[in-house]
Amino acid sequence: MTEMANGRKYEFYWGLIGDLEIGRPNLGNKTRVEIYRLMQFTFRDVLERKYGVDVADEVFYEAGKIAGREFCSHFLSSAKDIGSFVKLIQDTMREYGMGIFRVEESDNDAKKLVVTVEEDLDCSGLPELDYEICKYDEGLIAGIMESFTGNVYNVKEIDCWCTGDRTCRFSVNIQE
């Protein structure tokens, strides 16, 4: 890949996912959660050492937001209303092994939600750490919601496996 006009090499576009049928004819699109977490937490370690926790959190949130927009665009675009949208999120996240998504609370116009993701990729099964760690998931949920509704959302994890809860719970609110 050559450098883009804006000086960047890796500005995200779906083509960076690649053609897995050609590139991984024997292994396919499957890998283990340990390998995902190995990549995630080594990136996070480097970011925290070089730039601090706050910047690392911001980077993971923003990366999740990009991923959420792309996920919505490529997997959830057939949804016509909020009900079919939530069902499609649930089915697709389960199909791809991302987690078990549920809406616990919602107002009628999806301005305020509480959602959970059980068995998520980021932290389910980790030891208790006394702090929430799912910044990427916060961004992912924000990007998904923003893509579908056209509104900007603030997403904050309020319960996490790593704080002793056995599900990750997120407050999802439209930014006023």
N, C-alpha and C. Protein backbone atom coordinates (compact mmCIF):
# COMPACT_ATOMS: atom_id res chain seq x y z
N MET A 1 0.85 -1.18 0.00
CA MET A 1 0.00 0.00 0.00
C MET A 1 0.89 1.24 0.00
N THR A 2 0.57 2.19 -0.79
CA THR A 2 1.35 3.42 -0.83
C THR A 2 0.74 4.46 0.09
N GLU A 3 1.57 5.43 0.44
CA GLU A 3 1.12 6.48 1.33
C GLU A 3 0.01 7.29 0.67
N MET A 4 -1.03 7.61 1.44
CA MET A 4 -2.15 8.37 0.91
C MET A 4 -1.79 9.85 0.82
N ALA A 5 -2.59 10.59 0.10
CA ALA A 5 -2.34 12.01 -0.13
C ALA A 5 -2.23 12.80 1.18
N ASN A 6 -2.94 12.40 2.22
CA ASN A 6 -2.90 13.12 3.48
C ASN A 6 -1.72 12.70 4.37
N GLY A 7 -0.80 11.89 3.84
CA GLY A 7 0.39 11.49 4.57
C GLY A 7 0.20 10.26 5.45
N ARG A 8 -0.99 9.71 5.45
CA ARG A 8 -1.26 8.52 6.27
C ARG A 8 -1.14 7.26 5.43
N LYS A 9 -0.80 6.16 6.08
CA LYS A 9 -0.73 4.87 5.40
C LYS A 9 -1.96 4.01 5.66
N TYR A 10 -2.56 4.14 6.84
CA TYR A 10 -3.57 3.18 7.26
C TYR A 10 -4.91 3.80 7.63
N GLU A 11 -5.30 4.88 6.97
CA GLU A 11 -6.64 5.39 7.21
C GLU A 11 -7.62 4.26 6.89
N PHE A 12 -8.52 3.98 7.83
CA PHE A 12 -9.34 2.78 7.67
C PHE A 12 -10.28 2.87 6.48
N TYR A 13 -10.33 1.80 5.75
CA TYR A 13 -11.35 1.53 4.75
C TYR A 13 -11.55 0.02 4.76
N TRP A 14 -12.72 -0.43 4.32
CA TRP A 14 -13.08 -1.84 4.47
C TRP A 14 -12.11 -2.78 3.77
N GLY A 15 -11.43 -2.32 2.74
CA GLY A 15 -10.47 -3.15 2.02
C GLY A 15 -9.33 -3.65 2.90
N LEU A 16 -9.05 -2.96 4.01
CA LEU A 16 -8.01 -3.42 4.92
C LEU A 16 -8.39 -4.73 5.62
N ILE A 17 -9.67 -5.09 5.58
CA ILE A 17 -10.08 -6.39 6.12
C ILE A 17 -9.51 -7.51 5.24
N GLY A 18 -9.42 -7.25 3.94
CA GLY A 18 -8.84 -8.20 3.01
C GLY A 18 -9.82 -9.27 2.55
N ASP A 19 -9.35 -10.11 1.68
CA ASP A 19 -10.13 -11.24 1.17
C ASP A 19 -9.64 -12.49 1.90
N LEU A 20 -10.37 -12.88 2.91
CA LEU A 20 -9.93 -13.99 3.76
C LEU A 20 -10.02 -15.34 3.07
N GLU A 21 -10.87 -15.46 2.09
CA GLU A 21 -10.95 -16.73 1.34
C GLU A 21 -9.65 -16.96 0.57
N ILE A 22 -9.07 -15.91 0.04
CA ILE A 22 -7.81 -16.02 -0.68
C ILE A 22 -6.63 -16.08 0.30
N GLY A 23 -6.64 -15.18 1.27
CA GLY A 23 -5.50 -15.04 2.18
C GLY A 23 -5.38 -16.11 3.24
N ARG A 24 -6.50 -16.72 3.62
CA ARG A 24 -6.49 -17.76 4.67
C ARG A 24 -7.31 -18.96 4.22
N PRO A 25 -6.90 -19.60 3.13
CA PRO A 25 -7.72 -20.69 2.59
C PRO A 25 -7.82 -21.90 3.53
N ASN A 26 -6.88 -22.07 4.43
CA ASN A 26 -6.90 -23.20 5.34
C ASN A 26 -7.44 -22.84 6.72
N LEU A 27 -7.12 -21.65 7.20
CA LEU A 27 -7.53 -21.24 8.54
C LEU A 27 -8.84 -20.47 8.56
N GLY A 28 -9.21 -19.87 7.44
CA GLY A 28 -10.47 -19.14 7.36
C GLY A 28 -10.48 -17.91 8.25
N ASN A 29 -11.68 -17.53 8.68
CA ASN A 29 -11.84 -16.29 9.45
C ASN A 29 -11.90 -16.52 10.95
N LYS A 30 -11.47 -17.65 11.42
CA LYS A 30 -11.55 -17.97 12.86
C LYS A 30 -10.20 -17.78 13.54
N THR A 31 -10.27 -17.25 14.75
CA THR A 31 -9.12 -17.19 15.65
C THR A 31 -9.65 -17.25 17.07
N ARG A 32 -8.78 -17.38 18.02
CA ARG A 32 -9.22 -17.49 19.41
C ARG A 32 -9.21 -16.13 20.10
N VAL A 33 -10.03 -16.02 21.15
CA VAL A 33 -10.14 -14.78 21.92
C VAL A 33 -8.79 -14.40 22.52
N GLU A 34 -8.00 -15.39 22.93
CA GLU A 34 -6.69 -15.09 23.52
C GLU A 34 -5.82 -14.29 22.55
N ILE A 35 -5.92 -14.59 21.28
CA ILE A 35 -5.10 -13.90 20.28
C ILE A 35 -5.60 -12.47 20.08
N TYR A 36 -6.91 -12.29 20.05
CA TYR A 36 -7.49 -10.94 19.99
C TYR A 36 -7.01 -10.12 21.19
N ARG A 37 -7.11 -10.70 22.38
CA ARG A 37 -6.71 -9.98 23.59
C ARG A 37 -5.21 -9.73 23.64
N LEU A 38 -4.42 -10.63 23.12
CA LEU A 38 -2.98 -10.43 23.04
C LEU A 38 -2.69 -9.16 22.24
N MET A 39 -3.33 -9.01 21.10
CA MET A 39 -3.13 -7.81 20.28
C MET A 39 -3.67 -6.57 21.00
N GLN A 40 -4.89 -6.66 21.52
CA GLN A 40 -5.52 -5.51 22.16
C GLN A 40 -4.70 -5.00 23.34
N PHE A 41 -4.31 -5.89 24.23
CA PHE A 41 -3.66 -5.43 25.47
C PHE A 41 -2.18 -5.09 25.27
N THR A 42 -1.53 -5.62 24.24
CA THR A 42 -0.17 -5.16 23.96
C THR A 42 -0.21 -3.77 23.32
N PHE A 43 -1.19 -3.52 22.44
CA PHE A 43 -1.36 -2.15 21.91
C PHE A 43 -1.62 -1.19 23.07
N ARG A 44 -2.52 -1.57 23.95
CA ARG A 44 -2.88 -0.71 25.06
C ARG A 44 -1.66 -0.45 25.96
N ASP A 45 -0.87 -1.47 26.21
CA ASP A 45 0.32 -1.33 27.04
C ASP A 45 1.27 -0.29 26.44
N VAL A 46 1.53 -0.40 25.15
CA VAL A 46 2.43 0.55 24.48
C VAL A 46 1.85 1.97 24.53
N LEU A 47 0.57 2.11 24.22
CA LEU A 47 -0.06 3.43 24.25
C LEU A 47 0.00 4.05 25.64
N GLU A 48 -0.28 3.28 26.67
CA GLU A 48 -0.24 3.81 28.03
C GLU A 48 1.18 4.23 28.43
N ARG A 49 2.19 3.41 28.09
CA ARG A 49 3.57 3.76 28.44
C ARG A 49 4.02 5.01 27.71
N LYS A 50 3.66 5.14 26.44
CA LYS A 50 4.13 6.28 25.64
C LYS A 50 3.33 7.55 25.89
N TYR A 51 1.99 7.42 26.10
CA TYR A 51 1.14 8.60 26.11
C TYR A 51 0.25 8.75 27.33
N GLY A 52 0.19 7.75 28.20
CA GLY A 52 -0.63 7.82 29.40
C GLY A 52 -1.99 7.15 29.21
N VAL A 53 -2.63 6.89 30.34
CA VAL A 53 -3.91 6.17 30.36
C VAL A 53 -5.01 6.95 29.65
N ASP A 54 -5.09 8.25 29.87
CA ASP A 54 -6.18 9.03 29.27
C ASP A 54 -6.12 9.01 27.75
N VAL A 55 -4.93 9.15 27.19
CA VAL A 55 -4.78 9.10 25.73
C VAL A 55 -5.09 7.70 25.22
N ALA A 56 -4.61 6.67 25.92
CA ALA A 56 -4.92 5.30 25.51
C ALA A 56 -6.42 5.07 25.51
N ASP A 57 -7.12 5.54 26.55
CA ASP A 57 -8.58 5.41 26.60
C ASP A 57 -9.23 6.10 25.41
N GLU A 58 -8.76 7.31 25.11
CA GLU A 58 -9.31 8.07 23.99
C GLU A 58 -9.07 7.36 22.66
N VAL A 59 -7.89 6.81 22.48
CA VAL A 59 -7.57 6.09 21.24
C VAL A 59 -8.46 4.86 21.09
N PHE A 60 -8.62 4.10 22.16
CA PHE A 60 -9.47 2.90 22.08
C PHE A 60 -10.93 3.27 21.82
N TYR A 61 -11.42 4.34 22.46
CA TYR A 61 -12.80 4.79 22.22
C TYR A 61 -12.98 5.20 20.76
N GLU A 62 -12.06 6.00 20.26
CA GLU A 62 -12.16 6.48 18.87
C GLU A 62 -12.04 5.33 17.87
N ALA A 63 -11.15 4.38 18.14
CA ALA A 63 -11.02 3.21 17.26
C ALA A 63 -12.31 2.39 17.29
N GLY A 64 -12.89 2.22 18.46
CA GLY A 64 -14.16 1.52 18.57
C GLY A 64 -15.26 2.23 17.80
N LYS A 65 -15.24 3.55 17.83
CA LYS A 65 -16.25 4.33 17.13
C LYS A 65 -16.15 4.12 15.61
N ILE A 66 -14.94 4.14 15.09
CA ILE A 66 -14.74 3.85 13.66
C ILE A 66 -15.25 2.45 13.35
N ALA A 67 -14.87 1.50 14.19
CA ALA A 67 -15.31 0.12 13.98
C ALA A 67 -16.83 0.01 14.04
N GLY A 68 -17.45 0.72 14.97
CA GLY A 68 -18.91 0.69 15.08
C GLY A 68 -19.60 1.22 13.85
N ARG A 69 -19.08 2.31 13.30
CA ARG A 69 -19.65 2.86 12.06
C ARG A 69 -19.51 1.87 10.92
N GLU A 70 -18.33 1.27 10.79
CA GLU A 70 -18.08 0.29 9.72
C GLU A 70 -18.91 -0.97 9.92
N PHE A 71 -19.02 -1.43 11.16
CA PHE A 71 -19.83 -2.60 11.49
C PHE A 71 -21.28 -2.35 11.08
N CYS A 72 -21.79 -1.18 11.44
CA CYS A 72 -23.17 -0.82 11.09
C CYS A 72 -23.34 -0.77 9.58
N SER A 73 -22.43 -0.13 8.90
CA SER A 73 -22.51 0.02 7.45
C SER A 73 -22.47 -1.32 6.73
N HIS A 74 -21.66 -2.24 7.20
CA HIS A 74 -21.47 -3.51 6.49
C HIS A 74 -22.36 -4.64 6.96
N PHE A 75 -22.89 -4.55 8.18
CA PHE A 75 -23.66 -5.68 8.71
C PHE A 75 -25.08 -5.32 9.16
N LEU A 76 -25.36 -4.04 9.38
CA LEU A 76 -26.65 -3.68 9.99
C LEU A 76 -27.49 -2.76 9.12
N SER A 77 -27.07 -2.51 7.90
CA SER A 77 -27.73 -1.51 7.06
C SER A 77 -29.14 -1.91 6.61
N SER A 78 -29.51 -3.17 6.75
CA SER A 78 -30.85 -3.58 6.32
C SER A 78 -31.94 -3.23 7.33
N ALA A 79 -31.56 -2.82 8.54
CA ALA A 79 -32.55 -2.50 9.57
C ALA A 79 -33.34 -1.25 9.18
N LYS A 80 -34.65 -1.29 9.39
CA LYS A 80 -35.52 -0.18 9.01
C LYS A 80 -36.03 0.62 10.19
N ASP A 81 -36.07 0.01 11.36
CA ASP A 81 -36.55 0.69 12.57
C ASP A 81 -35.71 0.22 13.74
N ILE A 82 -35.90 0.85 14.89
CA ILE A 82 -35.05 0.55 16.04
C ILE A 82 -35.21 -0.90 16.51
N GLY A 83 -36.41 -1.45 16.43
CA GLY A 83 -36.63 -2.84 16.84
C GLY A 83 -35.85 -3.82 15.97
N SER A 84 -35.94 -3.65 14.65
CA SER A 84 -35.21 -4.55 13.75
C SER A 84 -33.70 -4.30 13.85
N PHE A 85 -33.33 -3.07 14.16
CA PHE A 85 -31.92 -2.73 14.34
C PHE A 85 -31.33 -3.47 15.54
N VAL A 86 -32.01 -3.42 16.68
CA VAL A 86 -31.53 -4.11 17.88
C VAL A 86 -31.45 -5.61 17.63
N LYS A 87 -32.45 -6.18 17.00
CA LYS A 87 -32.45 -7.62 16.70
C LYS A 87 -31.27 -7.97 15.81
N LEU A 88 -31.00 -7.14 14.83
CA LEU A 88 -29.88 -7.39 13.92
C LEU A 88 -28.54 -7.28 14.65
N ILE A 89 -28.41 -6.31 15.55
CA ILE A 89 -27.19 -6.21 16.38
C ILE A 89 -27.02 -7.50 17.17
N GLN A 90 -28.09 -7.94 17.84
CA GLN A 90 -28.02 -9.16 18.65
C GLN A 90 -27.59 -10.36 17.81
N ASP A 91 -28.25 -10.55 16.70
CA ASP A 91 -27.96 -11.72 15.85
C ASP A 91 -26.54 -11.66 15.28
N THR A 92 -26.12 -10.49 14.82
CA THR A 92 -24.82 -10.36 14.17
C THR A 92 -23.68 -10.48 15.18
N MET A 93 -23.83 -9.84 16.34
CA MET A 93 -22.79 -9.94 17.36
C MET A 93 -22.62 -11.38 17.83
N ARG A 94 -23.74 -12.08 17.97
CA ARG A 94 -23.66 -13.49 18.38
C ARG A 94 -23.02 -14.32 17.27
N GLU A 95 -23.45 -14.11 16.02
CA GLU A 95 -22.92 -14.87 14.89
C GLU A 95 -21.41 -14.72 14.77
N TYR A 96 -20.91 -13.51 14.98
CA TYR A 96 -19.48 -13.24 14.84
C TYR A 96 -18.70 -13.44 16.14
N GLY A 97 -19.37 -13.92 17.19
CA GLY A 97 -18.69 -14.23 18.45
C GLY A 97 -18.23 -13.00 19.21
N MET A 98 -18.89 -11.86 18.99
CA MET A 98 -18.48 -10.61 19.63
C MET A 98 -19.05 -10.47 21.04
N GLY A 99 -20.17 -11.12 21.30
CA GLY A 99 -20.81 -11.01 22.59
C GLY A 99 -22.31 -11.16 22.44
N ILE A 100 -22.98 -11.17 23.60
CA ILE A 100 -24.43 -11.29 23.63
C ILE A 100 -24.98 -9.93 24.02
N PHE A 101 -25.60 -9.25 23.07
CA PHE A 101 -26.06 -7.87 23.20
C PHE A 101 -27.52 -7.85 23.64
N ARG A 102 -27.83 -7.01 24.63
CA ARG A 102 -29.22 -6.83 25.06
C ARG A 102 -29.47 -5.37 25.40
N VAL A 103 -30.69 -4.95 25.19
CA VAL A 103 -31.13 -3.63 25.65
C VAL A 103 -31.92 -3.85 26.92
N GLU A 104 -31.46 -3.25 28.02
CA GLU A 104 -32.15 -3.39 29.30
C GLU A 104 -33.18 -2.30 29.52
N GLU A 105 -32.84 -1.09 29.09
CA GLU A 105 -33.74 0.06 29.25
C GLU A 105 -33.67 0.90 27.99
N SER A 106 -34.82 1.48 27.63
CA SER A 106 -34.85 2.34 26.45
C SER A 106 -36.04 3.27 26.54
N ASP A 107 -35.84 4.50 26.09
CA ASP A 107 -36.99 5.35 25.90
C ASP A 107 -37.50 5.12 24.47
N ASN A 108 -38.60 5.70 24.12
CA ASN A 108 -39.22 5.42 22.82
C ASN A 108 -38.41 5.88 21.62
N ASP A 109 -37.61 6.91 21.77
CA ASP A 109 -36.89 7.45 20.62
C ASP A 109 -35.38 7.17 20.66
N ALA A 110 -34.96 6.21 21.48
CA ALA A 110 -33.56 5.77 21.58
C ALA A 110 -32.61 6.90 21.95
N LYS A 111 -33.10 7.85 22.78
CA LYS A 111 -32.21 8.91 23.25
C LYS A 111 -31.42 8.47 24.47
N LYS A 112 -32.01 7.56 25.26
CA LYS A 112 -31.35 7.05 26.46
C LYS A 112 -31.56 5.55 26.50
N LEU A 113 -30.46 4.83 26.59
CA LEU A 113 -30.51 3.37 26.64
C LEU A 113 -29.56 2.87 27.71
N VAL A 114 -29.84 1.69 28.20
CA VAL A 114 -28.87 0.92 28.97
C VAL A 114 -28.78 -0.40 28.24
N VAL A 115 -27.55 -0.75 27.80
CA VAL A 115 -27.35 -2.00 27.07
C VAL A 115 -26.30 -2.83 27.78
N THR A 116 -26.37 -4.13 27.56
CA THR A 116 -25.36 -5.03 28.11
C THR A 116 -24.73 -5.84 26.98
N VAL A 117 -23.49 -6.22 27.21
CA VAL A 117 -22.81 -7.16 26.33
C VAL A 117 -22.19 -8.22 27.24
N GLU A 118 -22.75 -9.41 27.17
CA GLU A 118 -22.20 -10.54 27.93
C GLU A 118 -21.24 -11.31 27.04
N GLU A 119 -20.30 -12.00 27.69
CA GLU A 119 -19.31 -12.80 26.99
C GLU A 119 -18.58 -11.99 25.91
N ASP A 120 -18.30 -10.74 26.22
CA ASP A 120 -17.65 -9.85 25.25
C ASP A 120 -16.20 -10.24 25.02
N LEU A 121 -15.66 -9.76 23.93
CA LEU A 121 -14.28 -10.07 23.56
C LEU A 121 -13.26 -9.42 24.49
N ASP A 122 -13.60 -8.26 25.04
CA ASP A 122 -12.60 -7.47 25.76
C ASP A 122 -12.28 -7.96 27.15
N CYS A 123 -13.27 -8.40 27.92
CA CYS A 123 -12.93 -8.62 29.33
C CYS A 123 -13.58 -9.82 30.00
N SER A 124 -14.54 -10.46 29.43
CA SER A 124 -15.20 -11.57 30.10
C SER A 124 -14.18 -12.65 30.45
N GLY A 125 -14.12 -12.96 31.75
CA GLY A 125 -13.18 -13.97 32.23
C GLY A 125 -11.89 -13.40 32.79
N LEU A 126 -11.67 -12.10 32.66
CA LEU A 126 -10.46 -11.49 33.23
C LEU A 126 -10.59 -11.40 34.75
N PRO A 127 -9.47 -11.23 35.45
CA PRO A 127 -9.54 -11.05 36.90
C PRO A 127 -10.14 -9.69 37.24
N GLU A 128 -10.61 -9.56 38.48
CA GLU A 128 -11.12 -8.26 38.92
C GLU A 128 -9.97 -7.27 39.01
N LEU A 129 -10.21 -6.07 38.48
CA LEU A 129 -9.17 -5.05 38.43
C LEU A 129 -9.59 -3.75 39.12
N ASP A 130 -10.82 -3.67 39.58
CA ASP A 130 -11.34 -2.48 40.25
C ASP A 130 -11.55 -1.29 39.32
N TYR A 131 -11.56 -1.49 38.02
CA TYR A 131 -11.88 -0.43 37.09
C TYR A 131 -12.42 -1.04 35.81
N GLU A 132 -13.27 -0.26 35.12
CA GLU A 132 -13.84 -0.72 33.86
C GLU A 132 -12.76 -0.61 32.78
N ILE A 133 -12.79 -1.55 31.82
CA ILE A 133 -11.74 -1.52 30.78
C ILE A 133 -12.28 -1.46 29.36
N CYS A 134 -13.58 -1.45 29.18
CA CYS A 134 -14.15 -1.64 27.84
C CYS A 134 -14.31 -0.34 27.06
N LYS A 135 -13.25 0.44 26.97
CA LYS A 135 -13.28 1.70 26.22
C LYS A 135 -13.57 1.46 24.74
N TYR A 136 -12.98 0.41 24.17
CA TYR A 136 -13.22 0.08 22.77
C TYR A 136 -14.71 -0.23 22.56
N ASP A 137 -15.30 -1.00 23.47
CA ASP A 137 -16.73 -1.32 23.35
C ASP A 137 -17.59 -0.07 23.48
N GLU A 138 -17.21 0.87 24.36
CA GLU A 138 -17.94 2.13 24.46
C GLU A 138 -17.98 2.82 23.10
N GLY A 139 -16.83 2.92 22.47
CA GLY A 139 -16.76 3.55 21.15
C GLY A 139 -17.52 2.77 20.10
N LEU A 140 -17.42 1.44 20.15
CA LEU A 140 -18.13 0.59 19.19
C LEU A 140 -19.63 0.84 19.26
N ILE A 141 -20.17 0.85 20.46
CA ILE A 141 -21.61 1.08 20.64
C ILE A 141 -21.98 2.48 20.18
N ALA A 142 -21.15 3.48 20.51
CA ALA A 142 -21.42 4.85 20.06
C ALA A 142 -21.44 4.92 18.54
N GLY A 143 -20.45 4.30 17.90
CA GLY A 143 -20.38 4.32 16.44
C GLY A 143 -21.57 3.63 15.78
N ILE A 144 -21.99 2.51 16.35
CA ILE A 144 -23.15 1.79 15.82
C ILE A 144 -24.40 2.67 15.93
N MET A 145 -24.64 3.23 17.11
CA MET A 145 -25.84 4.05 17.32
C MET A 145 -25.82 5.31 16.45
N GLU A 146 -24.67 5.95 16.37
CA GLU A 146 -24.57 7.17 15.57
C GLU A 146 -24.82 6.88 14.10
N SER A 147 -24.30 5.76 13.63
CA SER A 147 -24.47 5.39 12.22
C SER A 147 -25.94 5.18 11.89
N PHE A 148 -26.66 4.51 12.78
CA PHE A 148 -28.06 4.19 12.51
C PHE A 148 -28.97 5.40 12.66
N THR A 149 -28.75 6.19 13.73
CA THR A 149 -29.69 7.27 14.05
C THR A 149 -29.30 8.63 13.46
N GLY A 150 -28.00 8.82 13.18
CA GLY A 150 -27.53 10.13 12.74
C GLY A 150 -27.27 11.09 13.89
N ASN A 151 -27.48 10.63 15.13
CA ASN A 151 -27.23 11.45 16.31
C ASN A 151 -25.88 11.07 16.91
N VAL A 152 -25.31 12.00 17.69
CA VAL A 152 -24.06 11.73 18.40
C VAL A 152 -24.42 11.21 19.79
N TYR A 153 -23.74 10.14 20.20
CA TYR A 153 -24.00 9.50 21.50
C TYR A 153 -22.78 9.55 22.39
N ASN A 154 -23.04 9.67 23.69
CA ASN A 154 -22.03 9.45 24.72
C ASN A 154 -22.31 8.07 25.31
N VAL A 155 -21.30 7.22 25.32
CA VAL A 155 -21.46 5.88 25.86
C VAL A 155 -20.44 5.71 26.98
N LYS A 156 -20.91 5.24 28.12
CA LYS A 156 -20.04 5.03 29.28
C LYS A 156 -20.34 3.68 29.90
N GLU A 157 -19.30 2.91 30.11
CA GLU A 157 -19.47 1.63 30.79
C GLU A 157 -19.76 1.90 32.27
N ILE A 158 -20.82 1.28 32.79
CA ILE A 158 -21.20 1.51 34.18
C ILE A 158 -21.03 0.26 35.04
N ASP A 159 -20.95 -0.90 34.43
CA ASP A 159 -20.63 -2.15 35.10
C ASP A 159 -19.71 -2.93 34.18
N CYS A 160 -18.77 -3.67 34.75
CA CYS A 160 -17.79 -4.40 33.95
C CYS A 160 -17.44 -5.71 34.65
N TRP A 161 -17.11 -6.70 33.86
CA TRP A 161 -16.63 -7.97 34.43
C TRP A 161 -15.48 -7.68 35.40
N CYS A 162 -14.62 -6.76 35.03
CA CYS A 162 -13.41 -6.48 35.81
C CYS A 162 -13.69 -5.72 37.11
N THR A 163 -14.94 -5.27 37.30
CA THR A 163 -15.29 -4.64 38.58
C THR A 163 -16.16 -5.57 39.42
N GLY A 164 -16.22 -6.83 39.01
CA GLY A 164 -16.96 -7.82 39.79
C GLY A 164 -18.33 -8.16 39.23
N ASP A 165 -18.78 -7.43 38.24
CA ASP A 165 -20.04 -7.76 37.60
C ASP A 165 -19.79 -8.87 36.60
N ARG A 166 -20.80 -9.56 36.21
CA ARG A 166 -20.60 -10.66 35.27
C ARG A 166 -21.20 -10.35 33.91
N THR A 167 -21.42 -9.06 33.68
CA THR A 167 -21.81 -8.55 32.37
C THR A 167 -21.27 -7.13 32.26
N CYS A 168 -21.05 -6.68 31.06
CA CYS A 168 -20.65 -5.29 30.85
C CYS A 168 -21.91 -4.51 30.50
N ARG A 169 -22.13 -3.43 31.21
CA ARG A 169 -23.34 -2.62 31.07
C ARG A 169 -22.93 -1.19 30.70
N PHE A 170 -23.67 -0.63 29.75
CA PHE A 170 -23.30 0.67 29.20
C PHE A 170 -24.49 1.62 29.23
N SER A 171 -24.25 2.84 29.66
CA SER A 171 -25.21 3.92 29.56
C SER A 171 -24.99 4.58 28.20
N VAL A 172 -26.05 4.68 27.41
CA VAL A 172 -25.97 5.19 26.03
C VAL A 172 -26.92 6.37 25.93
N ASN A 173 -26.37 7.58 25.79
CA ASN A 173 -27.20 8.80 25.80
C ASN A 173 -26.87 9.69 24.63
N ILE A 174 -27.92 10.23 24.02
CA ILE A 174 -27.72 11.20 22.94
C ILE A 174 -27.01 12.42 23.52
N GLN A 175 -26.04 12.91 22.78
CA GLN A 175 -25.31 14.11 23.19
C GLN A 175 -26.18 15.31 22.84
N GLU A 176 -26.52 16.08 23.84
CA GLU A 176 -27.39 17.26 23.62
C GLU A 176 -26.58 18.44 23.14
